[in-house]
Amino acid sequence: MRDFKKPTQEELKKKLTKLQYEVTQEEGTERPFQNEYWNEHRAGIYVDVVSGEPLFSSVDKFDSKTGWPSFTRPLVKDNIAEKTDRAFFMVRTEVRSRHASSHLGHVFDDGPAPTGLRYCINSAALRFIPREDLAKEGYAEYEGQFGAAPEKSKAARAVFAGGCFWCMQPPFDALKDRGVLLTQVGYTGGRAANPTYEDVCEGGTGHVEAIEVVYDPTKIKYADLLSVFWRNVDPLDERGQFCDKGDQYTSAVYYLDDEQKKQAEQSLESVRSRLKEKGRIVTPIRAAVPFYPAEEYHQDYYLKNPLRYKYYRFGCGRDARLRAVWE
């Protein structure tokens, strides 16, 4: 980076997007949960959007629940500069890139072990380089930290429908420290390709609101996911789920192979036995069909809109009904 010469402000305005310029040059802050890398889980490194100097690694990235990319340490400590920030009647430690002097974010002392630090960084100040592109992009020296690339076969999928998909994401996200790699909500079970939320709400497409769970089967079993699914649905309701009624809110398990089918059917029998005094189980076990991710504003809704989600869930009576069914 010794040969790096920072572009002029006019050059930066041409090179960067409006948001990138506001963040890196004017010390702006992007919105939480609505930025590029807060929920990025791929292996790779993050470099300065202006200079390309290596800053952070996915190895040190963690979910701080703040809605911004968070890291426990820099990838190259010498590429980070810190200064006292007294703006907004607070005293914080600002983090900047050393060579480009880009404003990155702030560092706090409330992070996890082993450092106890949380580097809270704006996505707009970063460019992500996936592990497989490091050599091509000129960062081959950082390949070793990731070890061998994981086998694709280690990632498996599961698809469930349990009524409002906003409410189905939190229980599976809670398993990310046990082997769940990522979750996304969407639509499945219908005839039309690429349905929108409005299409599904109007009915007639055959789609239901659903969740796709990507997991590492060497760390968490499909049977464990089934258990979480059942405990978060009312399998006695054939008209929908909780306050949401209609075909698009009905529950179902969608199996992707014969082994999932076998385990799903076994779990269904177990549920029938447990709830036999409460009524007929109506949740079906079905072969998976194409899953279409929902619009971005539906993803991680409980994190993006915590108060609205809380009031919706309470008003819908979901937790009260779950206790009545399962306790």
Protein backbone atom coordinates (compact mmCIF):
# COMPACT_ATOMS: atom_id res chain seq x y z
CA MET A 1 0.00 0.00 0.00
CA ARG A 2 3.03 2.29 0.07
CA ASP A 3 2.35 3.30 -3.52
CA PHE A 4 -1.28 4.18 -2.84
CA LYS A 5 -2.20 7.78 -3.52
CA LYS A 6 -5.60 8.84 -2.32
CA PRO A 7 -7.82 10.17 -5.13
CA THR A 8 -9.05 13.74 -5.02
CA GLN A 9 -12.54 14.43 -3.72
CA GLU A 10 -13.80 14.93 -7.25
CA GLU A 11 -12.31 11.60 -8.30
CA LEU A 12 -13.87 9.90 -5.29
CA LYS A 13 -17.29 11.32 -6.09
CA LYS A 14 -17.03 9.72 -9.53
CA LYS A 15 -15.67 6.41 -8.24
CA LEU A 16 -17.94 5.88 -5.25
CA THR A 17 -21.69 5.66 -4.90
CA LYS A 18 -23.42 8.46 -3.04
CA LEU A 19 -23.70 6.30 0.09
CA GLN A 20 -20.08 5.13 -0.09
CA TYR A 21 -18.92 8.73 -0.34
CA GLU A 22 -21.13 9.90 2.53
CA VAL A 23 -19.86 7.11 4.80
CA THR A 24 -16.15 7.11 3.97
CA GLN A 25 -15.57 10.82 3.34
CA GLU A 26 -18.26 12.51 5.43
CA GLU A 27 -18.34 10.09 8.37
CA GLY A 28 -21.89 9.01 7.66
CA THR A 29 -23.64 5.93 8.99
CA GLU A 30 -25.77 3.60 6.93
CA ARG A 31 -29.02 2.11 8.22
CA PRO A 32 -28.86 -1.09 10.28
CA PHE A 33 -30.19 -4.30 8.71
CA GLN A 34 -30.42 -2.50 5.37
CA ASN A 35 -26.84 -2.71 4.19
CA GLU A 36 -24.89 -5.12 2.04
CA TYR A 37 -22.82 -7.18 4.46
CA TRP A 38 -24.57 -7.28 7.83
CA ASN A 39 -25.89 -10.77 7.05
CA GLU A 40 -23.01 -11.96 4.84
CA HIS A 41 -21.84 -15.45 5.85
CA ARG A 42 -19.43 -16.45 3.07
CA ALA A 43 -15.74 -16.96 3.75
CA GLY A 44 -13.54 -14.14 2.54
CA ILE A 45 -11.99 -10.82 3.44
CA TYR A 46 -13.22 -7.24 3.54
CA VAL A 47 -11.06 -4.51 2.01
CA ASP A 48 -11.30 -0.73 1.97
CA VAL A 49 -13.65 0.39 -0.81
CA VAL A 50 -11.27 3.22 -1.74
CA SER A 51 -7.78 1.76 -1.41
CA GLY A 52 -8.32 -1.99 -1.37
CA GLU A 53 -6.24 -2.38 1.79
CA PRO A 54 -7.22 -5.56 3.70
CA LEU A 55 -9.21 -4.71 6.82
CA PHE A 56 -11.28 -7.59 8.20
CA SER A 57 -11.86 -11.32 7.73
CA SER A 58 -14.99 -13.45 7.85
CA VAL A 59 -13.11 -15.61 10.37
CA ASP A 60 -13.52 -12.80 12.91
CA LYS A 61 -17.05 -11.76 11.89
CA PHE A 62 -19.92 -12.39 14.31
CA ASP A 63 -23.60 -11.59 14.64
CA SER A 64 -23.82 -8.68 17.07
CA LYS A 65 -27.60 -8.26 16.53
CA THR A 66 -26.96 -4.59 15.70
CA GLY A 67 -27.60 -4.77 11.96
CA TRP A 68 -24.05 -3.77 10.98
CA PRO A 69 -21.10 -6.02 10.07
CA SER A 70 -19.21 -6.73 13.30
CA PHE A 71 -15.73 -8.15 13.83
CA THR A 72 -13.68 -9.09 16.88
CA ARG A 73 -10.36 -7.92 15.40
CA PRO A 74 -8.80 -6.42 12.27
CA LEU A 75 -7.26 -8.68 9.67
CA VAL A 76 -4.20 -6.40 9.40
CA LYS A 77 -3.86 -4.26 12.51
CA ASP A 78 -1.49 -1.82 10.81
CA ASN A 79 -4.21 -0.99 8.27
CA ILE A 80 -6.49 0.34 11.01
CA ALA A 81 -6.26 3.77 12.63
CA GLU A 82 -8.26 4.77 15.69
CA LYS A 83 -9.16 8.23 16.96
CA THR A 84 -11.39 9.70 19.64
CA ASP A 85 -14.81 10.74 18.35
CA ARG A 86 -16.73 13.25 20.51
CA ALA A 87 -19.65 13.81 18.14
CA PHE A 88 -23.27 13.66 19.31
CA PHE A 89 -22.31 14.38 22.95
CA MET A 90 -20.61 10.98 23.26
CA VAL A 91 -17.04 9.76 23.48
CA ARG A 92 -16.41 6.88 21.10
CA THR A 93 -13.44 5.38 19.29
CA GLU A 94 -13.66 5.94 15.55
CA VAL A 95 -12.10 3.40 13.19
CA ARG A 96 -10.52 4.54 9.91
CA SER A 97 -8.44 2.82 7.26
CA ARG A 98 -4.82 3.92 7.61
CA HIS A 99 -3.90 4.46 3.96
CA ALA A 100 -7.13 5.85 2.50
CA SER A 101 -8.28 7.42 5.78
CA SER A 102 -11.80 6.19 5.04
CA HIS A 103 -14.26 6.39 7.91
CA LEU A 104 -15.20 2.77 8.64
CA GLY A 105 -17.21 2.87 11.86
CA HIS A 106 -16.41 2.53 15.57
CA VAL A 107 -14.93 -0.02 17.96
CA PHE A 108 -16.55 -0.90 21.29
CA ASP A 109 -15.47 -3.00 24.26
CA ASP A 110 -18.63 -5.14 24.39
CA GLY A 111 -17.59 -7.87 21.95
CA PRO A 112 -17.17 -11.60 22.51
CA ALA A 113 -14.04 -13.49 23.57
CA PRO A 114 -11.19 -13.69 22.95
CA THR A 115 -10.71 -9.95 22.29
CA GLY A 116 -13.80 -8.51 23.95
CA LEU A 117 -13.99 -6.00 21.09
CA ARG A 118 -16.71 -5.20 18.57
CA TYR A 119 -15.62 -3.42 15.43
CA CYS A 120 -18.95 -2.05 14.18
CA ILE A 121 -18.34 -1.26 10.52
CA ASN A 122 -20.36 0.27 7.68
CA SER A 123 -20.84 -2.05 4.70
CA ALA A 124 -20.53 0.95 2.39
CA ALA A 125 -16.90 1.37 3.44
CA LEU A 126 -16.04 -2.19 2.48
CA ARG A 127 -15.66 -4.45 -0.52
CA PHE A 128 -16.03 -8.17 0.09
CA ILE A 129 -13.74 -10.62 -1.69
CA PRO A 130 -14.87 -14.27 -1.46
CA ARG A 131 -12.28 -16.88 -0.58
CA GLU A 132 -12.36 -18.38 -4.08
CA ASP A 133 -11.45 -15.00 -5.63
CA LEU A 134 -8.58 -14.04 -3.32
CA ALA A 135 -5.76 -15.14 -5.63
CA LYS A 136 -7.41 -13.62 -8.68
CA GLU A 137 -7.87 -10.30 -6.88
CA GLY A 138 -4.28 -10.22 -5.62
CA TYR A 139 -4.88 -11.32 -2.03
CA ALA A 140 -3.52 -14.89 -2.21
CA GLU A 141 -1.53 -14.41 1.00
CA TYR A 142 -4.79 -14.51 2.99
CA GLU A 143 -6.05 -17.83 1.63
CA GLY A 144 -4.39 -19.91 4.34
CA GLN A 145 -6.49 -18.58 7.22
CA PHE A 146 -9.59 -20.33 5.93
CA GLY A 147 -8.15 -23.85 5.71
CA ALA A 148 -9.60 -26.29 3.21
CA ALA A 149 -12.78 -25.26 1.46
CA PRO A 150 -15.81 -27.05 2.96
CA GLU A 151 -17.39 -29.75 0.90
CA LYS A 152 -20.57 -28.61 -0.78
CA SER A 153 -22.16 -31.88 0.27
CA LYS A 154 -21.97 -30.71 3.89
CA ALA A 155 -24.64 -28.10 3.27
CA ALA A 156 -28.18 -29.44 3.30
CA ARG A 157 -31.57 -27.77 2.91
CA ALA A 158 -34.87 -28.06 4.71
CA VAL A 159 -38.15 -26.36 3.85
CA PHE A 160 -41.06 -25.79 6.22
CA ALA A 161 -44.32 -23.84 6.15
CA GLY A 162 -45.68 -22.61 9.45
CA GLY A 163 -47.96 -19.69 8.80
CA CYS A 164 -46.56 -16.16 8.85
CA PHE A 165 -42.95 -16.56 7.78
CA TRP A 166 -41.85 -13.61 9.91
CA CYS A 167 -42.46 -15.78 12.96
CA MET A 168 -40.73 -18.89 11.61
CA GLN A 169 -37.31 -17.30 11.10
CA PRO A 170 -36.35 -16.54 14.74
CA PRO A 171 -36.49 -20.14 16.08
CA PHE A 172 -34.24 -21.43 13.29
CA ASP A 173 -31.89 -18.44 13.45
CA ALA A 174 -31.43 -19.33 17.12
CA LEU A 175 -29.70 -22.52 15.95
CA LYS A 176 -26.89 -20.77 14.06
CA ASP A 177 -24.43 -21.70 16.79
CA ARG A 178 -25.45 -25.36 16.42
CA GLY A 179 -25.14 -25.83 12.68
CA VAL A 180 -27.76 -23.75 10.90
CA LEU A 181 -25.87 -21.77 8.27
CA LEU A 182 -28.58 -19.43 7.01
CA THR A 183 -32.31 -19.01 6.68
CA GLN A 184 -34.53 -17.18 4.23
CA VAL A 185 -38.28 -16.82 3.96
CA GLY A 186 -40.23 -17.23 0.76
CA TYR A 187 -42.98 -19.03 -1.08
CA THR A 188 -43.42 -22.64 -2.15
CA GLY A 189 -46.01 -25.26 -3.00
CA GLY A 190 -47.66 -23.35 -5.82
CA ARG A 191 -47.87 -23.31 -9.58
CA ALA A 192 -46.70 -19.87 -10.68
CA ALA A 193 -43.00 -19.08 -10.92
CA ASN A 194 -41.51 -16.15 -8.99
CA PRO A 195 -44.65 -15.11 -7.12
CA THR A 196 -44.77 -11.81 -5.27
CA TYR A 197 -46.13 -11.24 -1.78
CA GLU A 198 -49.21 -9.63 -3.31
CA ASP A 199 -49.76 -12.64 -5.59
CA VAL A 200 -49.65 -15.03 -2.66
CA CYS A 201 -51.87 -12.86 -0.46
CA GLU A 202 -54.53 -12.65 -3.16
CA GLY A 203 -54.67 -16.45 -3.27
CA GLY A 204 -55.08 -18.72 -6.23
CA THR A 205 -51.37 -19.40 -6.80
CA GLY A 206 -51.24 -22.39 -4.48
CA HIS A 207 -48.21 -21.00 -2.67
CA VAL A 208 -47.72 -20.91 1.07
CA GLU A 209 -45.43 -18.72 3.13
CA ALA A 210 -42.41 -20.86 3.98
CA ILE A 211 -38.86 -20.87 5.29
CA GLU A 212 -35.76 -22.44 3.79
CA VAL A 213 -33.11 -23.57 6.27
CA VAL A 214 -29.56 -24.29 5.08
CA TYR A 215 -27.64 -26.34 7.63
CA ASP A 216 -24.55 -28.46 8.22
CA PRO A 217 -25.79 -32.04 8.80
CA THR A 218 -22.52 -32.94 10.51
CA LYS A 219 -23.40 -30.47 13.28
CA ILE A 220 -27.20 -30.52 13.48
CA LYS A 221 -29.60 -33.23 12.42
CA TYR A 222 -32.70 -32.91 10.28
CA ALA A 223 -34.62 -34.48 13.17
CA ASP A 224 -33.62 -31.52 15.34
CA LEU A 225 -34.99 -29.10 12.75
CA LEU A 226 -38.23 -31.08 12.63
CA SER A 227 -38.56 -30.77 16.40
CA VAL A 228 -38.15 -27.00 16.21
CA PHE A 229 -40.68 -26.83 13.38
CA TRP A 230 -43.39 -28.76 15.23
CA ARG A 231 -42.98 -26.75 18.44
CA ASN A 232 -43.57 -23.54 16.48
CA VAL A 233 -46.76 -24.47 14.63
CA ASP A 234 -50.31 -25.47 15.49
CA PRO A 235 -50.65 -28.80 13.62
CA LEU A 236 -54.36 -28.97 14.51
CA ASP A 237 -55.36 -25.94 12.43
CA GLU A 238 -56.33 -26.71 8.83
CA ARG A 239 -57.48 -23.16 8.02
CA GLY A 240 -54.14 -21.42 8.56
CA GLN A 241 -52.03 -20.60 11.58
CA PHE A 242 -53.08 -18.56 14.59
CA CYS A 243 -54.74 -15.27 13.53
CA ASP A 244 -53.74 -15.72 9.88
CA LYS A 245 -56.30 -17.73 7.96
CA GLY A 246 -56.13 -18.82 4.35
CA ASP A 247 -54.40 -21.44 2.23
CA GLN A 248 -51.21 -19.38 2.10
CA TYR A 249 -50.82 -19.73 5.88
CA THR A 250 -51.29 -23.49 6.22
CA SER A 251 -48.49 -25.59 7.68
CA ALA A 252 -46.49 -28.32 5.93
CA VAL A 253 -43.17 -30.14 5.86
CA TYR A 254 -41.51 -30.32 2.43
CA TYR A 255 -38.99 -33.14 2.08
CA LEU A 256 -36.12 -32.98 -0.41
CA ASP A 257 -35.08 -36.64 -0.46
CA ASP A 258 -36.18 -40.06 0.74
CA GLU A 259 -34.33 -39.79 4.03
CA GLN A 260 -36.02 -36.49 4.88
CA LYS A 261 -39.36 -38.03 3.93
CA LYS A 262 -38.74 -40.97 6.25
CA GLN A 263 -37.76 -38.77 9.18
CA ALA A 264 -40.62 -36.33 8.56
CA GLU A 265 -43.16 -39.16 8.57
CA GLN A 266 -41.66 -40.58 11.75
CA SER A 267 -41.87 -37.19 13.43
CA LEU A 268 -45.48 -36.83 12.28
CA GLU A 269 -46.38 -40.13 13.95
CA SER A 270 -44.70 -38.96 17.13
CA VAL A 271 -46.72 -35.73 17.07
CA ARG A 272 -49.94 -37.65 16.48
CA SER A 273 -49.21 -39.80 19.49
CA ARG A 274 -48.38 -36.86 21.70
CA LEU A 275 -51.40 -34.74 20.70
CA LYS A 276 -53.95 -37.52 20.19
CA GLU A 277 -56.15 -36.16 22.99
CA LYS A 278 -56.20 -32.69 21.47
CA GLY A 279 -57.38 -33.42 17.95
CA ARG A 280 -56.47 -34.52 14.44
CA ILE A 281 -53.09 -33.55 13.04
CA VAL A 282 -53.60 -31.85 9.69
CA THR A 283 -50.04 -30.77 8.81
CA PRO A 284 -49.05 -32.72 5.65
CA ILE A 285 -45.70 -34.15 4.58
CA ARG A 286 -45.13 -33.20 0.93
CA ALA A 287 -42.42 -33.50 -1.71
CA ALA A 288 -40.54 -30.24 -2.14
CA VAL A 289 -41.22 -28.07 -5.16
CA PRO A 290 -39.39 -24.86 -6.16
CA PHE A 291 -38.83 -22.40 -3.34
CA TYR A 292 -38.92 -18.69 -4.24
CA PRO A 293 -37.26 -16.24 -1.83
CA ALA A 294 -39.54 -13.46 -0.60
CA GLU A 295 -38.85 -9.77 -1.05
CA GLU A 296 -35.91 -8.35 0.90
CA TYR A 297 -38.10 -6.41 3.33
CA HIS A 298 -39.54 -9.71 4.57
CA GLN A 299 -36.12 -11.23 5.30
CA ASP A 300 -35.14 -11.00 8.99
CA TYR A 301 -38.26 -8.93 9.62
CA TYR A 302 -38.05 -9.55 13.36
CA LEU A 303 -34.64 -7.85 13.40
CA LYS A 304 -35.47 -5.00 11.04
CA ASN A 305 -38.76 -4.12 12.74
CA PRO A 306 -38.51 -5.50 16.29
CA LEU A 307 -41.35 -3.51 17.86
CA ARG A 308 -43.81 -4.09 15.04
CA TYR A 309 -42.90 -7.78 15.01
CA LYS A 310 -43.36 -8.04 18.77
CA TYR A 311 -46.81 -6.43 18.69
CA TYR A 312 -47.88 -8.48 15.67
CA ARG A 313 -46.83 -11.75 17.27
CA PHE A 314 -48.55 -10.90 20.54
CA GLY A 315 -51.70 -9.67 18.81
CA CYS A 316 -51.86 -12.81 16.71
CA GLY A 317 -51.89 -14.95 19.85
CA ARG A 318 -49.14 -17.19 18.54
CA ASP A 319 -47.31 -17.87 21.79
CA ALA A 320 -50.47 -18.36 23.82
CA ARG A 321 -51.77 -20.91 21.32
CA LEU A 322 -48.42 -22.72 21.17
CA ARG A 323 -48.49 -23.12 24.94
CA ALA A 324 -52.04 -24.45 24.76
CA VAL A 325 -51.08 -27.02 22.13
CA TRP A 326 -47.73 -28.20 23.43
CA GLU A 327 -47.75 -27.75 27.20
